[in-house]
All heavy atoms as atom14 arrays in JSON, in Angstrom:
{
  "sequence": "HLLVLKNPGAYVGVNAHGGSSVDLAVRCYCRMLDYWTVY",
  "atom14_mask": [
    [1, 1, 1, 1, 1, 1, 1, 1, 1, 1, 0, 0, 0, 0],
    [1, 1, 1, 1, 1, 1, 1, 1, 0, 0, 0, 0, 0, 0],
    [1, 1, 1, 1, 1, 1, 1, 1, 0, 0, 0, 0, 0, 0],
    [1, 1, 1, 1, 1, 1, 1, 0, 0, 0, 0, 0, 0, 0],
    [1, 1, 1, 1, 1, 1, 1, 1, 0, 0, 0, 0, 0, 0],
    [1, 1, 1, 1, 1, 1, 1, 1, 1, 0, 0, 0, 0, 0],
    [1, 1, 1, 1, 1, 1, 1, 1, 0, 0, 0, 0, 0, 0],
    [1, 1, 1, 1, 1, 1, 1, 0, 0, 0, 0, 0, 0, 0],
    [1, 1, 1, 1, 0, 0, 0, 0, 0, 0, 0, 0, 0, 0],
    [1, 1, 1, 1, 1, 0, 0, 0, 0, 0, 0, 0, 0, 0],
    [1, 1, 1, 1, 1, 1, 1, 1, 1, 1, 1, 1, 0, 0],
    [1, 1, 1, 1, 1, 1, 1, 0, 0, 0, 0, 0, 0, 0],
    [1, 1, 1, 1, 0, 0, 0, 0, 0, 0, 0, 0, 0, 0],
    [1, 1, 1, 1, 1, 1, 1, 0, 0, 0, 0, 0, 0, 0],
    [1, 1, 1, 1, 1, 1, 1, 1, 0, 0, 0, 0, 0, 0],
    [1, 1, 1, 1, 1, 0, 0, 0, 0, 0, 0, 0, 0, 0],
    [1, 1, 1, 1, 1, 1, 1, 1, 1, 1, 0, 0, 0, 0],
    [1, 1, 1, 1, 0, 0, 0, 0, 0, 0, 0, 0, 0, 0],
    [1, 1, 1, 1, 0, 0, 0, 0, 0, 0, 0, 0, 0, 0],
    [1, 1, 1, 1, 1, 1, 0, 0, 0, 0, 0, 0, 0, 0],
    [1, 1, 1, 1, 1, 1, 0, 0, 0, 0, 0, 0, 0, 0],
    [1, 1, 1, 1, 1, 1, 1, 0, 0, 0, 0, 0, 0, 0],
    [1, 1, 1, 1, 1, 1, 1, 1, 0, 0, 0, 0, 0, 0],
    [1, 1, 1, 1, 1, 1, 1, 1, 0, 0, 0, 0, 0, 0],
    [1, 1, 1, 1, 1, 0, 0, 0, 0, 0, 0, 0, 0, 0],
    [1, 1, 1, 1, 1, 1, 1, 0, 0, 0, 0, 0, 0, 0],
    [1, 1, 1, 1, 1, 1, 1, 1, 1, 1, 1, 0, 0, 0],
    [1, 1, 1, 1, 1, 1, 0, 0, 0, 0, 0, 0, 0, 0],
    [1, 1, 1, 1, 1, 1, 1, 1, 1, 1, 1, 1, 0, 0],
    [1, 1, 1, 1, 1, 1, 0, 0, 0, 0, 0, 0, 0, 0],
    [1, 1, 1, 1, 1, 1, 1, 1, 1, 1, 1, 0, 0, 0],
    [1, 1, 1, 1, 1, 1, 1, 1, 0, 0, 0, 0, 0, 0],
    [1, 1, 1, 1, 1, 1, 1, 1, 0, 0, 0, 0, 0, 0],
    [1, 1, 1, 1, 1, 1, 1, 1, 0, 0, 0, 0, 0, 0],
    [1, 1, 1, 1, 1, 1, 1, 1, 1, 1, 1, 1, 0, 0],
    [1, 1, 1, 1, 1, 1, 1, 1, 1, 1, 1, 1, 1, 1],
    [1, 1, 1, 1, 1, 1, 1, 0, 0, 0, 0, 0, 0, 0],
    [1, 1, 1, 1, 1, 1, 1, 0, 0, 0, 0, 0, 0, 0],
    [1, 1, 1, 1, 1, 1, 1, 1, 1, 1, 1, 1, 0, 0]
  ],
  "atom14_positions": [
    [[5.77, 8.05, -5.99], [5.13, 7.56, -7.22], [4.08, 8.57, -7.68], [3.21, 8.98, -6.91], [4.47, 6.19, -6.98], [4.16, 5.49, -8.25], [3.11, 5.86, -9.05], [4.75, 4.44, -8.86], [3.06, 5.08, -10.1], [4.06, 4.2, -10.01], [0.0, 0.0, 0.0], [0.0, 0.0, 0.0], [0.0, 0.0, 0.0], [0.0, 0.0, 0.0]],
    [[4.17, 8.96, -8.93], [3.31, 10.02, -9.47], [1.83, 9.66, -9.51], [0.97, 10.54, -9.45], [3.78, 10.42, -10.87], [5.18, 11.04, -10.94], [5.55, 11.29, -12.4], [5.25, 12.31, -10.14], [0.0, 0.0, 0.0], [0.0, 0.0, 0.0], [0.0, 0.0, 0.0], [0.0, 0.0, 0.0], [0.0, 0.0, 0.0], [0.0, 0.0, 0.0]],
    [[1.5, 8.37, -9.61], [0.1, 7.97, -9.73], [-0.57, 7.66, -8.38], [-1.76, 7.43, -8.33], [-0.02, 6.75, -10.65], [0.4, 6.99, -12.1], [0.31, 5.69, -12.9], [-0.43, 8.09, -12.75], [0.0, 0.0, 0.0], [0.0, 0.0, 0.0], [0.0, 0.0, 0.0], [0.0, 0.0, 0.0], [0.0, 0.0, 0.0], [0.0, 0.0, 0.0]],
    [[0.2, 7.67, -7.3], [-0.37, 7.45, -5.97], [-0.98, 8.76, -5.48], [-0.34, 9.81, -5.52], [0.71, 6.95, -4.98], [0.17, 6.93, -3.56], [1.21, 5.58, -5.38], [0.0, 0.0, 0.0], [0.0, 0.0, 0.0], [0.0, 0.0, 0.0], [0.0, 0.0, 0.0], [0.0, 0.0, 0.0], [0.0, 0.0, 0.0], [0.0, 0.0, 0.0]],
    [[-2.22, 8.69, -5.07], [-2.92, 9.89, -4.59], [-2.39, 10.33, -3.24], [-2.03, 9.51, -2.4], [-4.42, 9.61, -4.49], [-5.13, 9.23, -5.8], [-6.59, 8.9, -5.53], [-4.98, 10.33, -6.83], [0.0, 0.0, 0.0], [0.0, 0.0, 0.0], [0.0, 0.0, 0.0], [0.0, 0.0, 0.0], [0.0, 0.0, 0.0], [0.0, 0.0, 0.0]],
    [[-2.33, 11.63, -3.05], [-1.85, 12.2, -1.78], [-2.92, 12.15, -0.69], [-2.61, 12.14, 0.49], [-1.39, 13.65, -1.98], [-0.32, 13.82, -3.04], [0.95, 13.08, -2.67], [2.01, 13.28, -3.75], [3.0, 12.23, -3.77], [0.0, 0.0, 0.0], [0.0, 0.0, 0.0], [0.0, 0.0, 0.0], [0.0, 0.0, 0.0], [0.0, 0.0, 0.0]],
    [[-4.18, 12.17, -1.12], [-5.28, 12.17, -0.16], [-6.34, 11.19, -0.64], [-6.82, 11.33, -1.76], [-5.86, 13.58, -0.04], [-6.8, 13.72, 1.12], [-6.84, 12.88, 2.01], [-7.57, 14.79, 1.12], [0.0, 0.0, 0.0], [0.0, 0.0, 0.0], [0.0, 0.0, 0.0], [0.0, 0.0, 0.0], [0.0, 0.0, 0.0], [0.0, 0.0, 0.0]],
    [[-6.73, 10.19, 0.14], [-6.23, 9.88, 1.48], [-4.78, 9.39, 1.43], [-4.32, 8.88, 0.4], [-7.16, 8.79, 1.99], [-7.78, 8.19, 0.78], [-7.74, 9.23, -0.31], [0.0, 0.0, 0.0], [0.0, 0.0, 0.0], [0.0, 0.0, 0.0], [0.0, 0.0, 0.0], [0.0, 0.0, 0.0], [0.0, 0.0, 0.0], [0.0, 0.0, 0.0]],
    [[-4.1, 9.54, 2.53], [-2.69, 9.22, 2.59], [-2.39, 7.74, 2.57], [-3.25, 6.9, 2.81], [0.0, 0.0, 0.0], [0.0, 0.0, 0.0], [0.0, 0.0, 0.0], [0.0, 0.0, 0.0], [0.0, 0.0, 0.0], [0.0, 0.0, 0.0], [0.0, 0.0, 0.0], [0.0, 0.0, 0.0], [0.0, 0.0, 0.0], [0.0, 0.0, 0.0]],
    [[-1.13, 7.44, 2.27], [-0.65, 6.06, 2.26], [-0.49, 5.56, 3.69], [-0.47, 6.35, 4.65], [0.68, 5.99, 1.52], [0.0, 0.0, 0.0], [0.0, 0.0, 0.0], [0.0, 0.0, 0.0], [0.0, 0.0, 0.0], [0.0, 0.0, 0.0], [0.0, 0.0, 0.0], [0.0, 0.0, 0.0], [0.0, 0.0, 0.0], [0.0, 0.0, 0.0]],
    [[-0.37, 4.24, 3.84], [-0.31, 3.62, 5.16], [0.6, 2.4, 5.12], [0.54, 1.61, 4.19], [-1.71, 3.19, 5.6], [-1.74, 2.41, 6.88], [-1.66, 3.04, 8.11], [-1.82, 1.01, 6.86], [-1.67, 2.31, 9.28], [-1.83, 0.28, 8.03], [-1.76, 0.94, 9.24], [-1.76, 0.22, 10.4], [0.0, 0.0, 0.0], [0.0, 0.0, 0.0]],
    [[1.46, 2.27, 6.13], [2.24, 1.06, 6.33], [2.07, 0.68, 7.8], [2.27, 1.51, 8.69], [3.74, 1.27, 6.03], [4.54, 0.01, 6.33], [3.95, 1.69, 4.58], [0.0, 0.0, 0.0], [0.0, 0.0, 0.0], [0.0, 0.0, 0.0], [0.0, 0.0, 0.0], [0.0, 0.0, 0.0], [0.0, 0.0, 0.0], [0.0, 0.0, 0.0]],
    [[1.69, -0.57, 8.06], [1.51, -1.03, 9.44], [1.79, -2.52, 9.53], [1.83, -3.22, 8.52], [0.0, 0.0, 0.0], [0.0, 0.0, 0.0], [0.0, 0.0, 0.0], [0.0, 0.0, 0.0], [0.0, 0.0, 0.0], [0.0, 0.0, 0.0], [0.0, 0.0, 0.0], [0.0, 0.0, 0.0], [0.0, 0.0, 0.0], [0.0, 0.0, 0.0]],
    [[1.98, -2.99, 10.75], [2.22, -4.4, 10.97], [0.91, -5.16, 10.8], [-0.09, -4.84, 11.45], [2.82, -4.66, 12.38], [2.95, -6.14, 12.64], [4.18, -3.97, 12.5], [0.0, 0.0, 0.0], [0.0, 0.0, 0.0], [0.0, 0.0, 0.0], [0.0, 0.0, 0.0], [0.0, 0.0, 0.0], [0.0, 0.0, 0.0], [0.0, 0.0, 0.0]],
    [[0.92, -6.14, 9.91], [-0.27, -6.93, 9.63], [-0.27, -8.24, 10.41], [-1.32, -8.72, 10.83], [-0.35, -7.2, 8.13], [-1.66, -7.79, 7.7], [-2.72, -7.32, 8.11], [-1.61, -8.82, 6.89], [0.0, 0.0, 0.0], [0.0, 0.0, 0.0], [0.0, 0.0, 0.0], [0.0, 0.0, 0.0], [0.0, 0.0, 0.0], [0.0, 0.0, 0.0]],
    [[0.91, -8.84, 10.59], [1.01, -10.12, 11.31], [2.46, -10.37, 11.69], [3.39, -9.8, 11.1], [0.51, -11.26, 10.43], [0.0, 0.0, 0.0], [0.0, 0.0, 0.0], [0.0, 0.0, 0.0], [0.0, 0.0, 0.0], [0.0, 0.0, 0.0], [0.0, 0.0, 0.0], [0.0, 0.0, 0.0], [0.0, 0.0, 0.0], [0.0, 0.0, 0.0]],
    [[2.63, -11.23, 12.67], [3.95, -11.7, 13.07], [4.07, -13.14, 12.6], [3.4, -14.03, 13.1], [4.14, -11.63, 14.59], [4.12, -10.24, 15.11], [5.23, -9.45, 15.16], [3.09, -9.47, 15.58], [4.91, -8.26, 15.64], [3.62, -8.24, 15.9], [0.0, 0.0, 0.0], [0.0, 0.0, 0.0], [0.0, 0.0, 0.0], [0.0, 0.0, 0.0]],
    [[4.92, -13.37, 11.59], [5.11, -14.71, 11.04], [6.15, -15.47, 11.84], [6.76, -14.94, 12.78], [0.0, 0.0, 0.0], [0.0, 0.0, 0.0], [0.0, 0.0, 0.0], [0.0, 0.0, 0.0], [0.0, 0.0, 0.0], [0.0, 0.0, 0.0], [0.0, 0.0, 0.0], [0.0, 0.0, 0.0], [0.0, 0.0, 0.0], [0.0, 0.0, 0.0]],
    [[6.39, -16.72, 11.47], [7.37, -17.55, 12.15], [8.78, -16.98, 12.07], [9.56, -17.09, 13.01], [0.0, 0.0, 0.0], [0.0, 0.0, 0.0], [0.0, 0.0, 0.0], [0.0, 0.0, 0.0], [0.0, 0.0, 0.0], [0.0, 0.0, 0.0], [0.0, 0.0, 0.0], [0.0, 0.0, 0.0], [0.0, 0.0, 0.0], [0.0, 0.0, 0.0]],
    [[9.11, -16.34, 10.95], [10.44, -15.74, 10.79], [10.34, -14.39, 10.09], [11.25, -13.97, 9.39], [11.35, -16.68, 9.99], [10.82, -16.89, 8.7], [0.0, 0.0, 0.0], [0.0, 0.0, 0.0], [0.0, 0.0, 0.0], [0.0, 0.0, 0.0], [0.0, 0.0, 0.0], [0.0, 0.0, 0.0], [0.0, 0.0, 0.0], [0.0, 0.0, 0.0]],
    [[9.21, -13.72, 10.29], [9.02, -12.44, 9.61], [8.01, -11.57, 10.35], [7.26, -12.04, 11.2], [8.52, -12.67, 8.19], [7.21, -13.21, 8.21], [0.0, 0.0, 0.0], [0.0, 0.0, 0.0], [0.0, 0.0, 0.0], [0.0, 0.0, 0.0], [0.0, 0.0, 0.0], [0.0, 0.0, 0.0], [0.0, 0.0, 0.0], [0.0, 0.0, 0.0]],
    [[8.02, -10.3, 10.0], [6.97, -9.37, 10.39], [6.31, -8.97, 9.08], [6.95, -8.4, 8.2], [7.54, -8.14, 11.12], [6.45, -7.14, 11.41], [8.24, -8.56, 12.41], [0.0, 0.0, 0.0], [0.0, 0.0, 0.0], [0.0, 0.0, 0.0], [0.0, 0.0, 0.0], [0.0, 0.0, 0.0], [0.0, 0.0, 0.0], [0.0, 0.0, 0.0]],
    [[5.04, -9.3, 8.92], [4.31, -9.03, 7.68], [3.7, -7.64, 7.74], [3.02, -7.3, 8.71], [3.21, -10.07, 7.47], [3.76, -11.49, 7.42], [4.97, -11.66, 7.19], [2.96, -12.42, 7.64], [0.0, 0.0, 0.0], [0.0, 0.0, 0.0], [0.0, 0.0, 0.0], [0.0, 0.0, 0.0], [0.0, 0.0, 0.0], [0.0, 0.0, 0.0]],
    [[3.95, -6.86, 6.71], [3.49, -5.48, 6.69], [2.29, -5.33, 5.75], [2.22, -5.98, 4.71], [4.61, -4.55, 6.21], [5.87, -4.57, 7.05], [6.93, -3.68, 6.41], [5.59, -4.12, 8.48], [0.0, 0.0, 0.0], [0.0, 0.0, 0.0], [0.0, 0.0, 0.0], [0.0, 0.0, 0.0], [0.0, 0.0, 0.0], [0.0, 0.0, 0.0]],
    [[1.38, -4.45, 6.13], [0.29, -4.03, 5.25], [0.74, -2.7, 4.64], [1.05, -1.75, 5.37], [-1.0, -3.85, 6.03], [0.0, 0.0, 0.0], [0.0, 0.0, 0.0], [0.0, 0.0, 0.0], [0.0, 0.0, 0.0], [0.0, 0.0, 0.0], [0.0, 0.0, 0.0], [0.0, 0.0, 0.0], [0.0, 0.0, 0.0], [0.0, 0.0, 0.0]],
    [[0.83, -2.65, 3.33], [1.26, -1.45, 2.61], [0.09, -1.03, 1.74], [-0.29, -1.75, 0.81], [2.52, -1.75, 1.75], [2.97, -0.49, 1.02], [3.64, -2.3, 2.62], [0.0, 0.0, 0.0], [0.0, 0.0, 0.0], [0.0, 0.0, 0.0], [0.0, 0.0, 0.0], [0.0, 0.0, 0.0], [0.0, 0.0, 0.0], [0.0, 0.0, 0.0]],
    [[-0.49, 0.12, 2.05], [-1.72, 0.55, 1.36], [-1.61, 1.99, 0.89], [-1.08, 2.85, 1.59], [-2.93, 0.45, 2.3], [-3.16, -0.93, 2.89], [-3.69, -1.9, 1.84], [-3.99, -3.18, 2.44], [-3.2, -4.24, 2.38], [-2.04, -4.16, 1.77], [-3.54, -5.38, 2.93], [0.0, 0.0, 0.0], [0.0, 0.0, 0.0], [0.0, 0.0, 0.0]],
    [[-2.12, 2.23, -0.3], [-2.22, 3.58, -0.82], [-3.42, 3.64, -1.77], [-4.03, 2.61, -2.06], [-0.94, 4.0, -1.54], [-0.56, 3.01, -3.01], [0.0, 0.0, 0.0], [0.0, 0.0, 0.0], [0.0, 0.0, 0.0], [0.0, 0.0, 0.0], [0.0, 0.0, 0.0], [0.0, 0.0, 0.0], [0.0, 0.0, 0.0], [0.0, 0.0, 0.0]],
    [[-3.73, 4.82, -2.22], [-4.86, 5.01, -3.12], [-4.37, 5.55, -4.46], [-3.4, 6.3, -4.53], [-5.87, 6.0, -2.52], [-6.58, 5.43, -1.32], [-6.03, 5.53, -0.05], [-7.8, 4.78, -1.46], [-6.68, 5.0, 1.05], [-8.45, 4.25, -0.37], [-7.89, 4.36, 0.88], [-8.53, 3.84, 1.97], [0.0, 0.0, 0.0], [0.0, 0.0, 0.0]],
    [[-5.08, 5.13, -5.51], [-4.82, 5.63, -6.85], [-6.14, 5.59, -7.62], [-7.13, 5.04, -7.14], [-3.74, 4.81, -7.55], [-4.23, 3.11, -7.91], [0.0, 0.0, 0.0], [0.0, 0.0, 0.0], [0.0, 0.0, 0.0], [0.0, 0.0, 0.0], [0.0, 0.0, 0.0], [0.0, 0.0, 0.0], [0.0, 0.0, 0.0], [0.0, 0.0, 0.0]],
    [[-6.12, 6.17, -8.81], [-7.31, 6.08, -9.65], [-7.51, 4.63, -10.06], [-6.54, 3.89, -10.23], [-7.16, 6.94, -10.9], [-7.11, 8.41, -10.63], [-6.95, 9.25, -11.89], [-6.32, 8.53, -12.99], [-6.75, 8.56, -14.25], [-7.79, 9.27, -14.59], [-6.12, 7.88, -15.2], [0.0, 0.0, 0.0], [0.0, 0.0, 0.0], [0.0, 0.0, 0.0]],
    [[-8.74, 4.21, -10.21], [-9.04, 2.81, -10.55], [-8.35, 2.39, -11.85], [-7.83, 1.29, -11.95], [-10.55, 2.6, -10.65], [-10.92, 1.14, -10.76], [-12.68, 0.77, -10.51], [-13.49, 1.9, -11.59], [0.0, 0.0, 0.0], [0.0, 0.0, 0.0], [0.0, 0.0, 0.0], [0.0, 0.0, 0.0], [0.0, 0.0, 0.0], [0.0, 0.0, 0.0]],
    [[-8.3, 3.27, -12.82], [-7.65, 2.95, -14.09], [-6.14, 2.75, -13.96], [-5.52, 2.12, -14.81], [-7.94, 4.05, -15.12], [-9.38, 4.14, -15.61], [-9.56, 5.36, -16.5], [-9.77, 2.87, -16.36], [0.0, 0.0, 0.0], [0.0, 0.0, 0.0], [0.0, 0.0, 0.0], [0.0, 0.0, 0.0], [0.0, 0.0, 0.0], [0.0, 0.0, 0.0]],
    [[-5.55, 3.3, -12.91], [-4.1, 3.19, -12.69], [-3.73, 2.05, -11.76], [-2.55, 1.83, -11.5], [-3.56, 4.5, -12.08], [-3.72, 5.68, -13.01], [-3.66, 5.48, -14.24], [-3.9, 6.8, -12.5], [0.0, 0.0, 0.0], [0.0, 0.0, 0.0], [0.0, 0.0, 0.0], [0.0, 0.0, 0.0], [0.0, 0.0, 0.0], [0.0, 0.0, 0.0]],
    [[-4.71, 1.29, -11.26], [-4.45, 0.31, -10.21], [-3.33, -0.66, -10.57], [-2.37, -0.82, -9.81], [-5.73, -0.48, -9.87], [-5.47, -1.54, -8.83], [-5.44, -1.2, -7.48], [-5.2, -2.87, -9.18], [-5.17, -2.17, -6.52], [-4.94, -3.82, -8.23], [-4.92, -3.47, -6.9], [-4.64, -4.42, -5.95], [0.0, 0.0, 0.0], [0.0, 0.0, 0.0]],
    [[-3.43, -1.35, -11.7], [-2.42, -2.37, -12.02], [-1.06, -1.76, -12.32], [-0.03, -2.34, -11.97], [-2.9, -3.27, -13.16], [-4.01, -4.16, -12.7], [-5.32, -4.12, -13.1], [-3.93, -5.21, -11.73], [-6.05, -5.08, -12.43], [-5.22, -5.77, -11.58], [-2.91, -5.74, -10.96], [-5.5, -6.81, -10.72], [-3.17, -6.79, -10.09], [-4.46, -7.3, -9.97]],
    [[-1.04, -0.6, -12.92], [0.23, 0.09, -13.16], [0.92, 0.4, -11.84], [2.11, 0.14, -11.66], [-0.02, 1.39, -13.95], [-0.63, 1.07, -15.2], [1.27, 2.14, -14.19], [0.0, 0.0, 0.0], [0.0, 0.0, 0.0], [0.0, 0.0, 0.0], [0.0, 0.0, 0.0], [0.0, 0.0, 0.0], [0.0, 0.0, 0.0], [0.0, 0.0, 0.0]],
    [[0.16, 0.94, -10.9], [0.7, 1.28, -9.58], [1.07, 0.01, -8.83], [2.15, -0.07, -8.22], [-0.31, 2.13, -8.77], [0.13, 2.3, -7.33], [-0.51, 3.48, -9.44], [0.0, 0.0, 0.0], [0.0, 0.0, 0.0], [0.0, 0.0, 0.0], [0.0, 0.0, 0.0], [0.0, 0.0, 0.0], [0.0, 0.0, 0.0], [0.0, 0.0, 0.0]],
    [[0.23, -0.99, -8.86], [0.48, -2.23, -8.14], [1.82, -2.84, -8.53], [2.67, -3.12, -7.67], [-0.67, -3.22, -8.42], [-0.48, -4.57, -7.78], [-0.92, -4.8, -6.48], [0.15, -5.61, -8.46], [-0.75, -6.04, -5.88], [0.32, -6.86, -7.87], [-0.13, -7.06, -6.57], [0.05, -8.28, -5.98], [0.0, 0.0, 0.0], [0.0, 0.0, 0.0]]
  ]
}
């Protein structure tokens, strides 16, 4: 994605173990003005 900043880097990790799922935390950085577009 062109609006996601390269530094600091993006992150994907296990956030929780659900009853029938593994919930992931997906995090990246962008400019504040681009937040909703990126989201």
